[in-house]
Amino acid sequence: MKNLTFILIITFILQSCTPVVGTLGVVSIGAASKEKGIGTSISDNLVKTKISNLIYKFNKKLIADTKVFVNNGSVLFTGKVKKPEDKIEFTKIAWTVKGVREVNNELQIIDKSSLKNIARDIASLGEIRARIMSDTSINSINFSIDVVNDKAYISGVANNKEEMNLVISHASSARFVKEVYNYIILNKDKR
């Protein structure tokens, strides 16, 4: 009975803690089904949080139009910035965070983005997600997708080359996608 009481008290305390603890709890639960494991998922989430905080401190206006993905220490930036200097700063910021092994900066300079481009990107993103989620050969939770200016950016961890190729094929066949950037690593990859 003491153990049950102790568990209930700990559960109550953790539920009332800061969002960081809550986020870590959600990541650890969801990570059980991911190929990269709980420890790596938590580490990646911490790296992502640190990078996001540093970007916010640099220029909080940049957070809304950009995304950060982290897989096994490999960082991927996607989205839009106004100045080339901002794009360079993102890379510099990422490399200051312990645990980063690789930085892929695919931020777009938005001089050429229009409402039409944004609508097409949203449609492409939805189409790719629907295809991946409906394909029973793919564990969709292991992949992150972003579409910017008709370019699809895919990252994640695939069980094997066949699963990776299926994800790339689904992204390539989306109606408005002109290019696919593959940042998927194989489960056997020891990066």
N, C-alpha and C. Protein backbone atom coordinates (compact mmCIF):
# COMPACT_ATOMS: atom_id res chain seq x y z
N MET A 1 0.82 -1.20 0.00
CA MET A 1 0.00 0.00 0.00
C MET A 1 0.87 1.26 0.00
N LYS A 2 2.02 1.20 0.71
CA LYS A 2 2.92 2.35 0.74
C LYS A 2 3.45 2.66 -0.66
N ASN A 3 3.78 1.60 -1.42
CA ASN A 3 4.29 1.79 -2.78
C ASN A 3 3.27 2.47 -3.68
N LEU A 4 2.01 2.06 -3.56
CA LEU A 4 0.96 2.65 -4.36
C LEU A 4 0.78 4.13 -4.01
N THR A 5 0.81 4.46 -2.76
CA THR A 5 0.69 5.85 -2.31
C THR A 5 1.87 6.67 -2.84
N PHE A 6 3.06 6.11 -2.75
CA PHE A 6 4.26 6.80 -3.24
C PHE A 6 4.16 7.07 -4.74
N ILE A 7 3.71 6.09 -5.51
CA ILE A 7 3.57 6.25 -6.96
C ILE A 7 2.54 7.32 -7.28
N LEU A 8 1.42 7.32 -6.56
CA LEU A 8 0.39 8.33 -6.79
C LEU A 8 0.90 9.74 -6.47
N ILE A 9 1.66 9.88 -5.41
CA ILE A 9 2.21 11.19 -5.04
C ILE A 9 3.20 11.66 -6.11
N ILE A 10 4.08 10.79 -6.56
CA ILE A 10 5.05 11.15 -7.58
C ILE A 10 4.34 11.54 -8.87
N THR A 11 3.32 10.78 -9.25
CA THR A 11 2.56 11.08 -10.46
C THR A 11 1.91 12.45 -10.36
N PHE A 12 1.33 12.75 -9.20
CA PHE A 12 0.70 14.05 -9.00
C PHE A 12 1.72 15.18 -9.08
N ILE A 13 2.87 14.99 -8.49
CA ILE A 13 3.92 16.02 -8.51
C ILE A 13 4.41 16.25 -9.93
N LEU A 14 4.66 15.18 -10.67
CA LEU A 14 5.15 15.33 -12.04
C LEU A 14 4.13 16.00 -12.95
N GLN A 15 2.85 15.74 -12.70
CA GLN A 15 1.82 16.36 -13.53
C GLN A 15 1.73 17.85 -13.27
N SER A 16 2.12 18.31 -12.10
CA SER A 16 2.01 19.73 -11.79
C SER A 16 3.31 20.49 -12.00
N CYS A 17 4.35 19.80 -12.49
CA CYS A 17 5.64 20.46 -12.72
C CYS A 17 5.62 21.30 -13.98
N THR A 18 6.73 21.91 -14.26
CA THR A 18 6.86 22.80 -15.40
C THR A 18 6.62 22.05 -16.71
N PRO A 19 6.36 22.79 -17.78
CA PRO A 19 6.13 22.15 -19.09
C PRO A 19 7.30 21.31 -19.57
N VAL A 20 8.52 21.65 -19.16
CA VAL A 20 9.68 20.87 -19.61
C VAL A 20 9.57 19.44 -19.12
N VAL A 21 9.22 19.26 -17.85
CA VAL A 21 9.07 17.91 -17.32
C VAL A 21 7.93 17.20 -18.03
N GLY A 22 6.83 17.91 -18.27
CA GLY A 22 5.70 17.32 -18.99
C GLY A 22 6.09 16.92 -20.40
N THR A 23 6.87 17.76 -21.06
CA THR A 23 7.32 17.45 -22.41
C THR A 23 8.21 16.22 -22.42
N LEU A 24 9.11 16.13 -21.46
CA LEU A 24 9.98 14.96 -21.38
C LEU A 24 9.17 13.70 -21.14
N GLY A 25 8.12 13.80 -20.35
CA GLY A 25 7.27 12.65 -20.10
C GLY A 25 6.58 12.18 -21.37
N VAL A 26 6.07 13.11 -22.14
CA VAL A 26 5.40 12.78 -23.40
C VAL A 26 6.40 12.17 -24.38
N VAL A 27 7.59 12.76 -24.46
CA VAL A 27 8.61 12.22 -25.37
C VAL A 27 8.98 10.81 -24.97
N SER A 28 9.14 10.56 -23.67
CA SER A 28 9.56 9.23 -23.26
C SER A 28 8.48 8.19 -23.53
N ILE A 29 7.22 8.57 -23.44
CA ILE A 29 6.15 7.63 -23.73
C ILE A 29 6.10 7.35 -25.23
N GLY A 30 6.12 8.42 -26.05
CA GLY A 30 6.07 8.25 -27.50
C GLY A 30 7.31 7.59 -28.05
N ALA A 31 8.42 7.76 -27.37
CA ALA A 31 9.69 7.23 -27.87
C ALA A 31 9.78 5.72 -27.78
N ALA A 32 8.96 5.12 -26.95
CA ALA A 32 9.02 3.67 -26.81
C ALA A 32 8.79 2.98 -28.14
N SER A 33 7.99 3.61 -29.03
CA SER A 33 7.71 2.98 -30.31
C SER A 33 8.65 3.46 -31.42
N LYS A 34 9.50 4.41 -31.12
CA LYS A 34 10.43 4.90 -32.14
C LYS A 34 11.65 4.01 -32.22
N GLU A 35 12.21 3.96 -33.41
CA GLU A 35 13.38 3.12 -33.64
C GLU A 35 14.60 3.62 -32.89
N LYS A 36 14.69 4.91 -32.65
CA LYS A 36 15.90 5.43 -32.04
C LYS A 36 15.95 5.27 -30.53
N GLY A 37 14.88 4.90 -29.88
CA GLY A 37 14.89 4.61 -28.46
C GLY A 37 14.58 5.81 -27.58
N ILE A 38 14.28 5.52 -26.34
CA ILE A 38 13.88 6.54 -25.38
C ILE A 38 15.01 7.50 -25.06
N GLY A 39 16.20 6.99 -24.78
CA GLY A 39 17.33 7.84 -24.41
C GLY A 39 17.68 8.84 -25.49
N THR A 40 17.74 8.37 -26.72
CA THR A 40 18.08 9.25 -27.83
C THR A 40 16.97 10.26 -28.07
N SER A 41 15.71 9.85 -27.94
CA SER A 41 14.59 10.77 -28.13
C SER A 41 14.62 11.90 -27.11
N ILE A 42 14.91 11.55 -25.86
CA ILE A 42 14.98 12.58 -24.82
C ILE A 42 16.16 13.51 -25.10
N SER A 43 17.31 12.95 -25.46
CA SER A 43 18.49 13.76 -25.78
C SER A 43 18.20 14.70 -26.95
N ASP A 44 17.57 14.17 -28.00
CA ASP A 44 17.23 15.00 -29.16
C ASP A 44 16.27 16.11 -28.78
N ASN A 45 15.30 15.80 -27.93
CA ASN A 45 14.34 16.81 -27.50
C ASN A 45 15.03 17.92 -26.70
N LEU A 46 16.00 17.55 -25.86
CA LEU A 46 16.74 18.56 -25.10
C LEU A 46 17.57 19.45 -26.03
N VAL A 47 18.22 18.84 -27.01
CA VAL A 47 19.00 19.61 -27.99
C VAL A 47 18.08 20.57 -28.73
N LYS A 48 16.94 20.08 -29.18
CA LYS A 48 15.98 20.92 -29.91
C LYS A 48 15.51 22.09 -29.04
N THR A 49 15.22 21.82 -27.77
CA THR A 49 14.77 22.87 -26.86
C THR A 49 15.86 23.92 -26.65
N LYS A 50 17.10 23.49 -26.47
CA LYS A 50 18.20 24.44 -26.29
C LYS A 50 18.38 25.31 -27.53
N ILE A 51 18.35 24.69 -28.70
CA ILE A 51 18.50 25.45 -29.94
C ILE A 51 17.36 26.44 -30.10
N SER A 52 16.12 26.00 -29.86
CA SER A 52 14.96 26.88 -29.98
C SER A 52 15.06 28.07 -29.04
N ASN A 53 15.52 27.82 -27.81
CA ASN A 53 15.68 28.91 -26.84
C ASN A 53 16.74 29.91 -27.29
N LEU A 54 17.84 29.42 -27.84
CA LEU A 54 18.91 30.31 -28.32
C LEU A 54 18.43 31.14 -29.52
N ILE A 55 17.65 30.52 -30.40
CA ILE A 55 17.10 31.25 -31.55
C ILE A 55 16.14 32.33 -31.05
N TYR A 56 15.32 31.98 -30.07
CA TYR A 56 14.37 32.94 -29.50
C TYR A 56 15.12 34.13 -28.90
N LYS A 57 16.22 33.84 -28.20
CA LYS A 57 17.03 34.93 -27.62
C LYS A 57 17.67 35.79 -28.71
N PHE A 58 18.08 35.16 -29.80
CA PHE A 58 18.70 35.88 -30.91
C PHE A 58 17.68 36.82 -31.58
N ASN A 59 16.50 36.26 -31.92
CA ASN A 59 15.45 37.05 -32.54
C ASN A 59 14.13 36.28 -32.44
N LYS A 60 13.30 36.66 -31.49
CA LYS A 60 12.07 35.91 -31.23
C LYS A 60 11.10 35.91 -32.41
N LYS A 61 11.23 36.84 -33.34
CA LYS A 61 10.35 36.89 -34.51
C LYS A 61 10.64 35.74 -35.48
N LEU A 62 11.83 35.16 -35.41
CA LEU A 62 12.21 34.09 -36.34
C LEU A 62 11.58 32.74 -36.00
N ILE A 63 11.14 32.55 -34.77
CA ILE A 63 10.60 31.26 -34.32
C ILE A 63 9.34 30.87 -35.09
N ALA A 64 8.47 31.83 -35.38
CA ALA A 64 7.18 31.52 -36.00
C ALA A 64 7.30 30.92 -37.40
N ASP A 65 8.30 31.32 -38.15
CA ASP A 65 8.41 30.88 -39.54
C ASP A 65 9.47 29.81 -39.78
N THR A 66 10.02 29.26 -38.71
CA THR A 66 11.07 28.25 -38.86
C THR A 66 10.76 27.03 -38.02
N LYS A 67 11.38 25.91 -38.39
CA LYS A 67 11.22 24.67 -37.63
C LYS A 67 12.59 24.05 -37.41
N VAL A 68 12.71 23.37 -36.28
CA VAL A 68 13.95 22.67 -35.93
C VAL A 68 13.60 21.20 -35.73
N PHE A 69 14.31 20.33 -36.41
CA PHE A 69 14.17 18.88 -36.24
C PHE A 69 15.51 18.35 -35.77
N VAL A 70 15.50 17.41 -34.83
CA VAL A 70 16.74 16.79 -34.35
C VAL A 70 16.54 15.28 -34.34
N ASN A 71 17.43 14.56 -35.01
CA ASN A 71 17.42 13.10 -35.02
C ASN A 71 18.84 12.60 -34.81
N ASN A 72 19.05 11.93 -33.69
CA ASN A 72 20.36 11.37 -33.35
C ASN A 72 21.46 12.42 -33.43
N GLY A 73 21.18 13.62 -32.95
CA GLY A 73 22.18 14.69 -32.96
C GLY A 73 22.30 15.42 -34.27
N SER A 74 21.56 15.01 -35.29
CA SER A 74 21.57 15.68 -36.58
C SER A 74 20.44 16.72 -36.60
N VAL A 75 20.80 17.98 -36.79
CA VAL A 75 19.83 19.08 -36.74
C VAL A 75 19.44 19.47 -38.16
N LEU A 76 18.15 19.67 -38.38
CA LEU A 76 17.64 20.15 -39.66
C LEU A 76 16.80 21.39 -39.41
N PHE A 77 17.16 22.49 -40.08
CA PHE A 77 16.38 23.72 -40.05
C PHE A 77 15.60 23.82 -41.35
N THR A 78 14.31 24.10 -41.25
CA THR A 78 13.49 24.39 -42.43
C THR A 78 12.64 25.61 -42.12
N GLY A 79 12.11 26.20 -43.15
CA GLY A 79 11.27 27.37 -42.97
C GLY A 79 11.79 28.54 -43.75
N LYS A 80 11.42 29.74 -43.30
CA LYS A 80 11.73 30.94 -44.05
C LYS A 80 12.32 32.02 -43.13
N VAL A 81 13.33 32.72 -43.64
CA VAL A 81 13.89 33.89 -42.97
C VAL A 81 14.02 35.00 -43.99
N LYS A 82 14.10 36.24 -43.51
CA LYS A 82 14.16 37.38 -44.43
C LYS A 82 15.56 37.65 -44.96
N LYS A 83 16.57 37.45 -44.11
CA LYS A 83 17.93 37.83 -44.49
C LYS A 83 18.86 36.62 -44.50
N PRO A 84 19.81 36.59 -45.42
CA PRO A 84 20.80 35.51 -45.44
C PRO A 84 21.60 35.43 -44.14
N GLU A 85 21.82 36.58 -43.50
CA GLU A 85 22.57 36.60 -42.24
C GLU A 85 21.87 35.79 -41.15
N ASP A 86 20.52 35.81 -41.17
CA ASP A 86 19.75 35.03 -40.20
C ASP A 86 19.97 33.53 -40.42
N LYS A 87 20.01 33.13 -41.68
CA LYS A 87 20.24 31.73 -42.01
C LYS A 87 21.60 31.27 -41.48
N ILE A 88 22.60 32.08 -41.66
CA ILE A 88 23.94 31.75 -41.18
C ILE A 88 23.96 31.68 -39.66
N GLU A 89 23.25 32.58 -39.00
CA GLU A 89 23.22 32.60 -37.54
C GLU A 89 22.60 31.33 -36.97
N PHE A 90 21.59 30.78 -37.64
CA PHE A 90 20.98 29.53 -37.19
C PHE A 90 22.03 28.42 -37.11
N THR A 91 22.85 28.33 -38.14
CA THR A 91 23.89 27.29 -38.16
C THR A 91 24.88 27.51 -37.02
N LYS A 92 25.29 28.75 -36.82
CA LYS A 92 26.23 29.06 -35.73
C LYS A 92 25.63 28.68 -34.37
N ILE A 93 24.36 29.02 -34.17
CA ILE A 93 23.69 28.71 -32.91
C ILE A 93 23.65 27.20 -32.68
N ALA A 94 23.29 26.44 -33.70
CA ALA A 94 23.16 24.98 -33.54
C ALA A 94 24.49 24.36 -33.10
N TRP A 95 25.59 24.80 -33.68
CA TRP A 95 26.88 24.20 -33.36
C TRP A 95 27.36 24.54 -31.95
N THR A 96 26.73 25.50 -31.27
CA THR A 96 27.13 25.81 -29.89
C THR A 96 26.51 24.85 -28.88
N VAL A 97 25.53 24.06 -29.30
CA VAL A 97 24.81 23.17 -28.38
C VAL A 97 25.49 21.80 -28.32
N LYS A 98 25.77 21.38 -27.11
CA LYS A 98 26.39 20.07 -26.91
C LYS A 98 25.44 18.96 -27.35
N GLY A 99 25.98 17.99 -28.08
CA GLY A 99 25.18 16.87 -28.57
C GLY A 99 24.86 16.97 -30.05
N VAL A 100 25.14 18.12 -30.68
CA VAL A 100 24.88 18.29 -32.11
C VAL A 100 26.03 17.65 -32.87
N ARG A 101 25.69 16.77 -33.79
CA ARG A 101 26.69 16.07 -34.60
C ARG A 101 26.72 16.55 -36.04
N GLU A 102 25.60 17.13 -36.49
CA GLU A 102 25.48 17.55 -37.89
C GLU A 102 24.42 18.64 -37.97
N VAL A 103 24.62 19.63 -38.86
CA VAL A 103 23.62 20.68 -39.05
C VAL A 103 23.30 20.76 -40.54
N ASN A 104 22.02 20.63 -40.86
CA ASN A 104 21.53 20.78 -42.23
C ASN A 104 20.62 22.00 -42.24
N ASN A 105 21.10 23.08 -42.81
CA ASN A 105 20.35 24.33 -42.81
C ASN A 105 19.67 24.50 -44.16
N GLU A 106 18.39 24.24 -44.21
CA GLU A 106 17.61 24.35 -45.44
C GLU A 106 16.62 25.51 -45.36
N LEU A 107 16.96 26.54 -44.56
CA LEU A 107 16.10 27.71 -44.47
C LEU A 107 16.08 28.42 -45.81
N GLN A 108 14.90 28.92 -46.18
CA GLN A 108 14.73 29.63 -47.44
C GLN A 108 14.67 31.13 -47.17
N ILE A 109 15.25 31.91 -48.04
CA ILE A 109 15.12 33.36 -47.97
C ILE A 109 13.78 33.70 -48.64
N ILE A 110 12.90 34.42 -47.94
CA ILE A 110 11.49 34.53 -48.36
C ILE A 110 11.19 35.60 -49.39
N ASP A 111 12.16 36.17 -50.00
CA ASP A 111 11.88 37.19 -50.99
C ASP A 111 10.93 36.70 -52.07
N LYS A 112 10.95 35.41 -52.39
CA LYS A 112 10.12 34.90 -53.48
C LYS A 112 8.87 34.16 -53.01
N SER A 113 8.63 34.04 -51.72
CA SER A 113 7.46 33.34 -51.23
C SER A 113 6.21 34.21 -51.37
N SER A 114 5.13 33.59 -51.74
CA SER A 114 3.86 34.30 -51.87
C SER A 114 2.78 33.49 -51.17
N LEU A 115 1.60 34.06 -51.08
CA LEU A 115 0.48 33.33 -50.48
C LEU A 115 0.18 32.06 -51.26
N LYS A 116 0.37 32.13 -52.57
CA LYS A 116 0.14 30.96 -53.41
C LYS A 116 1.14 29.85 -53.04
N ASN A 117 2.42 30.21 -52.85
CA ASN A 117 3.44 29.23 -52.46
C ASN A 117 3.10 28.60 -51.11
N ILE A 118 2.69 29.43 -50.18
CA ILE A 118 2.36 28.93 -48.84
C ILE A 118 1.21 27.94 -48.91
N ALA A 119 0.17 28.27 -49.67
CA ALA A 119 -0.99 27.37 -49.82
C ALA A 119 -0.58 26.05 -50.46
N ARG A 120 0.28 26.12 -51.47
CA ARG A 120 0.75 24.90 -52.13
C ARG A 120 1.59 24.06 -51.17
N ASP A 121 2.42 24.71 -50.35
CA ASP A 121 3.24 23.98 -49.39
C ASP A 121 2.37 23.25 -48.37
N ILE A 122 1.33 23.91 -47.90
CA ILE A 122 0.42 23.29 -46.93
C ILE A 122 -0.30 22.10 -47.56
N ALA A 123 -0.74 22.25 -48.80
CA ALA A 123 -1.42 21.15 -49.50
C ALA A 123 -0.46 19.97 -49.70
N SER A 124 0.78 20.25 -50.09
CA SER A 124 1.77 19.19 -50.30
C SER A 124 2.07 18.47 -48.99
N LEU A 125 2.23 19.22 -47.92
CA LEU A 125 2.52 18.63 -46.62
C LEU A 125 1.40 17.67 -46.20
N GLY A 126 0.16 18.12 -46.36
CA GLY A 126 -0.97 17.26 -46.01
C GLY A 126 -1.04 16.00 -46.86
N GLU A 127 -0.76 16.16 -48.15
CA GLU A 127 -0.77 15.02 -49.06
C GLU A 127 0.31 13.99 -48.69
N ILE A 128 1.51 14.47 -48.40
CA ILE A 128 2.60 13.56 -48.04
C ILE A 128 2.29 12.84 -46.73
N ARG A 129 1.85 13.59 -45.73
CA ARG A 129 1.52 12.97 -44.43
C ARG A 129 0.43 11.90 -44.59
N ALA A 130 -0.60 12.20 -45.38
CA ALA A 130 -1.68 11.23 -45.58
C ALA A 130 -1.16 9.96 -46.24
N ARG A 131 -0.32 10.10 -47.23
CA ARG A 131 0.23 8.93 -47.93
C ARG A 131 1.10 8.09 -47.00
N ILE A 132 1.94 8.74 -46.22
CA ILE A 132 2.84 8.01 -45.32
C ILE A 132 2.05 7.31 -44.22
N MET A 133 1.06 8.01 -43.67
CA MET A 133 0.27 7.42 -42.59
C MET A 133 -0.59 6.26 -43.06
N SER A 134 -1.02 6.29 -44.31
CA SER A 134 -1.88 5.21 -44.82
C SER A 134 -1.07 4.02 -45.34
N ASP A 135 0.22 4.16 -45.48
CA ASP A 135 1.07 3.08 -45.97
C ASP A 135 1.47 2.20 -44.78
N THR A 136 0.98 0.97 -44.74
CA THR A 136 1.25 0.08 -43.61
C THR A 136 2.70 -0.41 -43.57
N SER A 137 3.45 -0.18 -44.62
CA SER A 137 4.87 -0.57 -44.64
C SER A 137 5.75 0.47 -43.97
N ILE A 138 5.16 1.60 -43.57
CA ILE A 138 5.92 2.70 -42.99
C ILE A 138 5.44 2.97 -41.57
N ASN A 139 6.40 3.13 -40.64
CA ASN A 139 6.08 3.56 -39.28
C ASN A 139 6.16 5.09 -39.28
N SER A 140 5.03 5.73 -39.54
CA SER A 140 5.00 7.18 -39.80
C SER A 140 5.50 8.02 -38.64
N ILE A 141 5.45 7.51 -37.43
CA ILE A 141 5.90 8.28 -36.27
C ILE A 141 7.41 8.55 -36.31
N ASN A 142 8.14 7.79 -37.10
CA ASN A 142 9.59 7.93 -37.17
C ASN A 142 10.06 9.00 -38.14
N PHE A 143 9.13 9.75 -38.77
CA PHE A 143 9.52 10.69 -39.81
C PHE A 143 8.95 12.08 -39.58
N SER A 144 9.76 13.09 -39.90
CA SER A 144 9.35 14.49 -39.86
C SER A 144 9.33 15.01 -41.29
N ILE A 145 8.33 15.83 -41.59
CA ILE A 145 8.15 16.33 -42.95
C ILE A 145 7.92 17.84 -42.89
N ASP A 146 8.54 18.55 -43.81
CA ASP A 146 8.25 19.97 -43.98
C ASP A 146 8.33 20.28 -45.47
N VAL A 147 7.50 21.20 -45.92
CA VAL A 147 7.51 21.61 -47.32
C VAL A 147 7.63 23.13 -47.35
N VAL A 148 8.66 23.63 -48.04
CA VAL A 148 8.89 25.06 -48.16
C VAL A 148 9.21 25.37 -49.62
N ASN A 149 8.44 26.29 -50.21
CA ASN A 149 8.64 26.70 -51.61
C ASN A 149 8.75 25.51 -52.55
N ASP A 150 7.81 24.58 -52.43
CA ASP A 150 7.71 23.38 -53.28
C ASP A 150 8.86 22.39 -53.09
N LYS A 151 9.60 22.52 -51.99
CA LYS A 151 10.68 21.59 -51.67
C LYS A 151 10.31 20.84 -50.39
N ALA A 152 10.34 19.52 -50.47
CA ALA A 152 9.99 18.68 -49.32
C ALA A 152 11.27 18.27 -48.59
N TYR A 153 11.26 18.41 -47.27
CA TYR A 153 12.39 18.02 -46.42
C TYR A 153 11.91 16.89 -45.52
N ILE A 154 12.54 15.72 -45.67
CA ILE A 154 12.16 14.54 -44.92
C ILE A 154 13.32 14.14 -44.02
N SER A 155 13.03 13.96 -42.74
CA SER A 155 14.05 13.48 -41.81
C SER A 155 13.44 12.41 -40.93
N GLY A 156 14.29 11.61 -40.30
CA GLY A 156 13.81 10.57 -39.41
C GLY A 156 14.71 9.36 -39.43
N VAL A 157 14.18 8.27 -38.88
CA VAL A 157 14.93 7.02 -38.78
C VAL A 157 14.11 5.91 -39.43
N ALA A 158 14.67 5.30 -40.47
CA ALA A 158 13.99 4.21 -41.17
C ALA A 158 14.52 2.86 -40.71
N ASN A 159 13.65 1.86 -40.70
CA ASN A 159 14.06 0.50 -40.35
C ASN A 159 15.03 -0.08 -41.36
N ASN A 160 14.79 0.26 -42.64
CA ASN A 160 15.62 -0.28 -43.71
C ASN A 160 15.52 0.63 -44.92
N LYS A 161 16.30 0.30 -45.94
CA LYS A 161 16.36 1.12 -47.15
C LYS A 161 15.01 1.14 -47.88
N GLU A 162 14.28 0.03 -47.83
CA GLU A 162 12.98 -0.04 -48.51
C GLU A 162 12.00 0.97 -47.90
N GLU A 163 11.97 1.05 -46.56
CA GLU A 163 11.08 1.99 -45.91
C GLU A 163 11.48 3.43 -46.26
N MET A 164 12.77 3.71 -46.27
CA MET A 164 13.25 5.03 -46.64
C MET A 164 12.83 5.38 -48.07
N ASN A 165 13.01 4.46 -48.98
CA ASN A 165 12.64 4.70 -50.38
C ASN A 165 11.14 4.93 -50.56
N LEU A 166 10.32 4.22 -49.77
CA LEU A 166 8.87 4.44 -49.83
C LEU A 166 8.50 5.85 -49.39
N VAL A 167 9.12 6.31 -48.30
CA VAL A 167 8.85 7.66 -47.81
C VAL A 167 9.24 8.70 -48.86
N ILE A 168 10.42 8.53 -49.44
CA ILE A 168 10.89 9.45 -50.48
C ILE A 168 9.96 9.42 -51.68
N SER A 169 9.51 8.23 -52.06
CA SER A 169 8.59 8.09 -53.20
C SER A 169 7.28 8.83 -52.94
N HIS A 170 6.73 8.68 -51.73
CA HIS A 170 5.49 9.39 -51.40
C HIS A 170 5.68 10.90 -51.46
N ALA A 171 6.81 11.37 -50.96
CA ALA A 171 7.09 12.81 -50.99
C ALA A 171 7.26 13.30 -52.42
N SER A 172 7.97 12.53 -53.23
CA SER A 172 8.22 12.92 -54.63
C SER A 172 6.96 12.98 -55.46
N SER A 173 5.99 12.16 -55.13
CA SER A 173 4.78 12.10 -55.94
C SER A 173 3.72 13.11 -55.51
N ALA A 174 3.99 13.92 -54.50
CA ALA A 174 3.03 14.96 -54.10
C ALA A 174 2.88 15.96 -55.24
N ARG A 175 1.70 16.46 -55.41
CA ARG A 175 1.33 17.25 -56.58
C ARG A 175 2.25 18.45 -56.85
N PHE A 176 2.58 19.24 -55.83
CA PHE A 176 3.33 20.48 -56.05
C PHE A 176 4.81 20.36 -55.72
N VAL A 177 5.26 19.22 -55.24
CA VAL A 177 6.66 19.07 -54.83
C VAL A 177 7.56 18.96 -56.05
N LYS A 178 8.58 19.83 -56.09
CA LYS A 178 9.53 19.84 -57.20
C LYS A 178 10.84 19.16 -56.83
N GLU A 179 11.21 19.22 -55.54
CA GLU A 179 12.45 18.61 -55.06
C GLU A 179 12.20 17.97 -53.70
N VAL A 180 12.93 16.88 -53.44
CA VAL A 180 12.86 16.22 -52.13
C VAL A 180 14.27 16.16 -51.56
N TYR A 181 14.42 16.64 -50.34
CA TYR A 181 15.70 16.59 -49.64
C TYR A 181 15.59 15.50 -48.57
N ASN A 182 16.41 14.49 -48.70
CA ASN A 182 16.34 13.32 -47.83
C ASN A 182 17.38 13.42 -46.70
N TYR A 183 16.90 13.51 -45.47
CA TYR A 183 17.77 13.50 -44.29
C TYR A 183 17.45 12.30 -43.41
N ILE A 184 16.87 11.26 -44.00
CA ILE A 184 16.54 10.04 -43.28
C ILE A 184 17.81 9.24 -43.05
N ILE A 185 17.95 8.73 -41.85
CA ILE A 185 19.07 7.83 -41.57
C ILE A 185 18.51 6.45 -41.30
N LEU A 186 19.30 5.44 -41.60
CA LEU A 186 18.88 4.07 -41.36
C LEU A 186 19.13 3.71 -39.90
N ASN A 187 18.32 2.81 -39.39
CA ASN A 187 18.43 2.38 -37.99
C ASN A 187 19.83 1.86 -37.70
N LYS A 188 20.50 1.29 -38.67
CA LYS A 188 21.83 0.73 -38.47
C LYS A 188 22.92 1.80 -38.52
N ASP A 189 22.56 3.01 -38.96
CA ASP A 189 23.52 4.11 -39.05
C ASP A 189 23.96 4.51 -37.64
N LYS A 190 25.25 4.55 -37.39
CA LYS A 190 25.77 4.81 -36.05
C LYS A 190 26.22 6.25 -35.84
N ARG A 191 25.65 7.20 -36.61
CA ARG A 191 26.02 8.61 -36.46
C ARG A 191 25.73 9.12 -35.08
